[in-house]
Amino acid sequence: MSQFMQPSIILLREGTDTSQGRGQLISNINACQAVGDIVRTTLGPRGMDKLVYENTRATISNDGAQILKLIDIVHPAAKILVDIARSQDVEVGDGTTSVTLIACELLKQAKP
């Protein structure tokens, strides 16, 4: 019986943030909304082009999938949103911007 009472051991990398609760939830939603804001203006017939500059290479595109591939995202929740868009691109070949924006709107409605 005493074997079930032992505390769990969690191994994390050095410098890992272990915050929890409402503040972390809001932070995750804000990170996803930032990704949505990047691709929001590329949607539709009046969508604008984005210039993505990295090192010595510049890319101009209004394709949401291409933009999400080019930007470097480090936030874990925002990475999941990009993975959703990539899955949409692999399975269907289109709709990455729409999927990203729908997910962002759902998160916006769920924001406390």
C-alpha atoms as a PDB file:
ATOM      1  CA  MET A   1       0.000   0.000   0.000  1.00  0.00           C
ATOM      2  CA  SER A   2       2.841   2.410   0.733  1.00  0.00           C
ATOM      3  CA  GLN A   3       4.168   2.085  -2.828  1.00  0.00           C
ATOM      4  CA  PHE A   4       1.202   4.119  -4.093  1.00  0.00           C
ATOM      5  CA  MET A   5       1.886   6.984  -1.684  1.00  0.00           C
ATOM      6  CA  GLN A   6       5.300   7.881  -3.086  1.00  0.00           C
ATOM      7  CA  PRO A   7       5.608  11.296  -4.737  1.00  0.00           C
ATOM      8  CA  SER A   8       5.996  11.313  -8.497  1.00  0.00           C
ATOM      9  CA  ILE A   9       9.310  12.370  -9.980  1.00  0.00           C
ATOM     10  CA  ILE A  10       9.250  14.688 -12.974  1.00  0.00           C
ATOM     11  CA  LEU A  11      12.422  15.311 -14.974  1.00  0.00           C
ATOM     12  CA  LEU A  12      12.613  18.637 -16.798  1.00  0.00           C
ATOM     13  CA  ARG A  13      15.346  20.357 -18.730  1.00  0.00           C
ATOM     14  CA  GLU A  14      17.220  23.081 -16.930  1.00  0.00           C
ATOM     15  CA  GLY A  15      15.456  26.425 -17.317  1.00  0.00           C
ATOM     16  CA  THR A  16      12.053  24.881 -18.073  1.00  0.00           C
ATOM     17  CA  ASP A  17       9.081  26.991 -17.008  1.00  0.00           C
ATOM     18  CA  THR A  18       6.616  24.983 -14.926  1.00  0.00           C
ATOM     19  CA  SER A  19       3.883  27.589 -14.570  1.00  0.00           C
ATOM     20  CA  GLN A  20       0.295  26.400 -14.411  1.00  0.00           C
ATOM     21  CA  GLY A  21      -3.213  27.727 -14.062  1.00  0.00           C
ATOM     22  CA  ARG A  22      -5.111  30.582 -15.591  1.00  0.00           C
ATOM     23  CA  GLY A  23      -2.026  32.654 -16.376  1.00  0.00           C
ATOM     24  CA  GLN A  24      -0.464  29.853 -18.397  1.00  0.00           C
ATOM     25  CA  LEU A  25      -3.749  29.210 -20.196  1.00  0.00           C
ATOM     26  CA  ILE A  26      -3.999  32.848 -21.219  1.00  0.00           C
ATOM     27  CA  SER A  27      -0.343  32.821 -22.308  1.00  0.00           C
ATOM     28  CA  ASN A  28      -0.950  29.783 -24.542  1.00  0.00           C
ATOM     29  CA  ILE A  29      -4.025  31.347 -26.123  1.00  0.00           C
ATOM     30  CA  ASN A  30      -2.195  34.634 -26.730  1.00  0.00           C
ATOM     31  CA  ALA A  31       0.674  32.798 -28.435  1.00  0.00           C
ATOM     32  CA  CYS A  32      -1.771  31.025 -30.751  1.00  0.00           C
ATOM     33  CA  GLN A  33      -3.561  34.281 -31.493  1.00  0.00           C
ATOM     34  CA  ALA A  34      -0.240  35.856 -32.460  1.00  0.00           C
ATOM     35  CA  VAL A  35       0.256  33.121 -35.053  1.00  0.00           C
ATOM     36  CA  GLY A  36      -3.303  33.676 -36.268  1.00  0.00           C
ATOM     37  CA  ASP A  37      -2.670  37.401 -36.596  1.00  0.00           C
ATOM     38  CA  ILE A  38       0.316  36.685 -38.829  1.00  0.00           C
ATOM     39  CA  VAL A  39      -1.691  34.715 -41.382  1.00  0.00           C
ATOM     40  CA  ARG A  40      -5.061  36.481 -40.968  1.00  0.00           C
ATOM     41  CA  THR A  41      -4.320  39.177 -43.538  1.00  0.00           C
ATOM     42  CA  THR A  42      -3.360  36.627 -46.204  1.00  0.00           C
ATOM     43  CA  LEU A  43      -6.876  35.148 -46.391  1.00  0.00           C
ATOM     44  CA  GLY A  44      -9.273  35.822 -49.221  1.00  0.00           C
ATOM     45  CA  PRO A  45      -9.150  37.494 -52.614  1.00  0.00           C
ATOM     46  CA  ARG A  46      -7.840  40.719 -51.073  1.00  0.00           C
ATOM     47  CA  GLY A  47      -5.208  38.909 -49.023  1.00  0.00           C
ATOM     48  CA  MET A  48      -1.927  40.696 -48.614  1.00  0.00           C
ATOM     49  CA  ASP A  49       1.530  39.282 -49.249  1.00  0.00           C
ATOM     50  CA  LYS A  50       3.992  38.804 -46.404  1.00  0.00           C
ATOM     51  CA  LEU A  51       7.727  39.346 -46.593  1.00  0.00           C
ATOM     52  CA  VAL A  52       9.648  36.808 -44.535  1.00  0.00           C
ATOM     53  CA  TYR A  53      13.332  37.609 -44.238  1.00  0.00           C
ATOM     54  CA  GLU A  54      15.815  35.148 -42.768  1.00  0.00           C
ATOM     55  CA  ASN A  55      19.560  35.683 -42.918  1.00  0.00           C
ATOM     56  CA  THR A  56      20.231  36.491 -46.596  1.00  0.00           C
ATOM     57  CA  ARG A  57      17.048  35.010 -48.066  1.00  0.00           C
ATOM     58  CA  ALA A  58      13.781  36.893 -48.484  1.00  0.00           C
ATOM     59  CA  THR A  59      10.480  35.233 -49.398  1.00  0.00           C
ATOM     60  CA  ILE A  60       7.280  36.992 -50.438  1.00  0.00           C
ATOM     61  CA  SER A  61       4.130  34.893 -50.187  1.00  0.00           C
ATOM     62  CA  ASN A  62       0.457  35.044 -49.310  1.00  0.00           C
ATOM     63  CA  ASP A  63       0.205  31.278 -48.795  1.00  0.00           C
ATOM     64  CA  GLY A  64      -0.450  30.541 -45.131  1.00  0.00           C
ATOM     65  CA  ALA A  65       1.275  27.153 -45.287  1.00  0.00           C
ATOM     66  CA  GLN A  66       4.428  28.672 -46.754  1.00  0.00           C
ATOM     67  CA  ILE A  67       4.502  31.469 -44.186  1.00  0.00           C
ATOM     68  CA  LEU A  68       4.032  29.059 -41.281  1.00  0.00           C
ATOM     69  CA  LYS A  69       6.882  26.901 -42.626  1.00  0.00           C
ATOM     70  CA  LEU A  70       9.221  29.891 -42.810  1.00  0.00           C
ATOM     71  CA  ILE A  71       8.670  31.466 -39.404  1.00  0.00           C
ATOM     72  CA  ASP A  72      10.501  30.062 -36.402  1.00  0.00           C
ATOM     73  CA  ILE A  73       8.060  29.382 -33.564  1.00  0.00           C
ATOM     74  CA  VAL A  74       9.345  28.374 -30.132  1.00  0.00           C
ATOM     75  CA  HIS A  75       6.171  28.495 -28.025  1.00  0.00           C
ATOM     76  CA  PRO A  76       4.816  24.938 -27.559  1.00  0.00           C
ATOM     77  CA  ALA A  77       1.122  25.849 -27.948  1.00  0.00           C
ATOM     78  CA  ALA A  78       1.815  27.899 -31.069  1.00  0.00           C
ATOM     79  CA  LYS A  79       3.847  24.997 -32.476  1.00  0.00           C
ATOM     80  CA  ILE A  80       0.797  22.764 -32.091  1.00  0.00           C
ATOM     81  CA  LEU A  81      -1.242  25.275 -34.081  1.00  0.00           C
ATOM     82  CA  VAL A  82       1.371  25.184 -36.844  1.00  0.00           C
ATOM     83  CA  ASP A  83       1.299  21.374 -36.744  1.00  0.00           C
ATOM     84  CA  ILE A  84      -2.483  21.488 -37.246  1.00  0.00           C
ATOM     85  CA  ALA A  85      -1.976  23.653 -40.324  1.00  0.00           C
ATOM     86  CA  ARG A  86       0.720  21.310 -41.665  1.00  0.00           C
ATOM     87  CA  SER A  87      -1.566  18.309 -41.169  1.00  0.00           C
ATOM     88  CA  GLN A  88      -4.284  20.100 -43.122  1.00  0.00           C
ATOM     89  CA  ASP A  89      -1.801  20.807 -45.917  1.00  0.00           C
ATOM     90  CA  VAL A  90      -0.654  17.166 -46.051  1.00  0.00           C
ATOM     91  CA  GLU A  91      -4.147  15.660 -45.952  1.00  0.00           C
ATOM     92  CA  VAL A  92      -6.066  18.095 -48.151  1.00  0.00           C
ATOM     93  CA  GLY A  93      -3.486  20.358 -49.751  1.00  0.00           C
ATOM     94  CA  ASP A  94      -5.391  23.545 -48.974  1.00  0.00           C
ATOM     95  CA  GLY A  95      -7.102  25.396 -46.144  1.00  0.00           C
ATOM     96  CA  THR A  96      -4.148  25.924 -43.836  1.00  0.00           C
ATOM     97  CA  THR A  97      -4.972  29.571 -43.210  1.00  0.00           C
ATOM     98  CA  SER A  98      -8.634  28.756 -42.615  1.00  0.00           C
ATOM     99  CA  VAL A  99      -7.796  25.994 -40.134  1.00  0.00           C
ATOM    100  CA  THR A 100      -5.416  28.280 -38.282  1.00  0.00           C
ATOM    101  CA  LEU A 101      -7.966  31.077 -38.048  1.00  0.00           C
ATOM    102  CA  ILE A 102     -10.806  28.768 -36.984  1.00  0.00           C
ATOM    103  CA  ALA A 103      -8.635  27.322 -34.214  1.00  0.00           C
ATOM    104  CA  CYS A 104      -7.677  30.845 -33.121  1.00  0.00           C
ATOM    105  CA  GLU A 105     -11.312  31.931 -32.976  1.00  0.00           C
ATOM    106  CA  LEU A 106     -12.238  28.873 -30.927  1.00  0.00           C
ATOM    107  CA  LEU A 107      -9.417  29.679 -28.507  1.00  0.00           C
ATOM    108  CA  LYS A 108     -10.499  33.321 -28.412  1.00  0.00           C
ATOM    109  CA  GLN A 109     -14.016  32.261 -27.404  1.00  0.00           C
ATOM    110  CA  ALA A 110     -12.607  29.947 -24.730  1.00  0.00           C
ATOM    111  CA  LYS A 111     -10.308  32.598 -23.257  1.00  0.00           C
ATOM    112  CA  PRO A 112     -11.216  33.312 -19.624  1.00  0.00           C
END
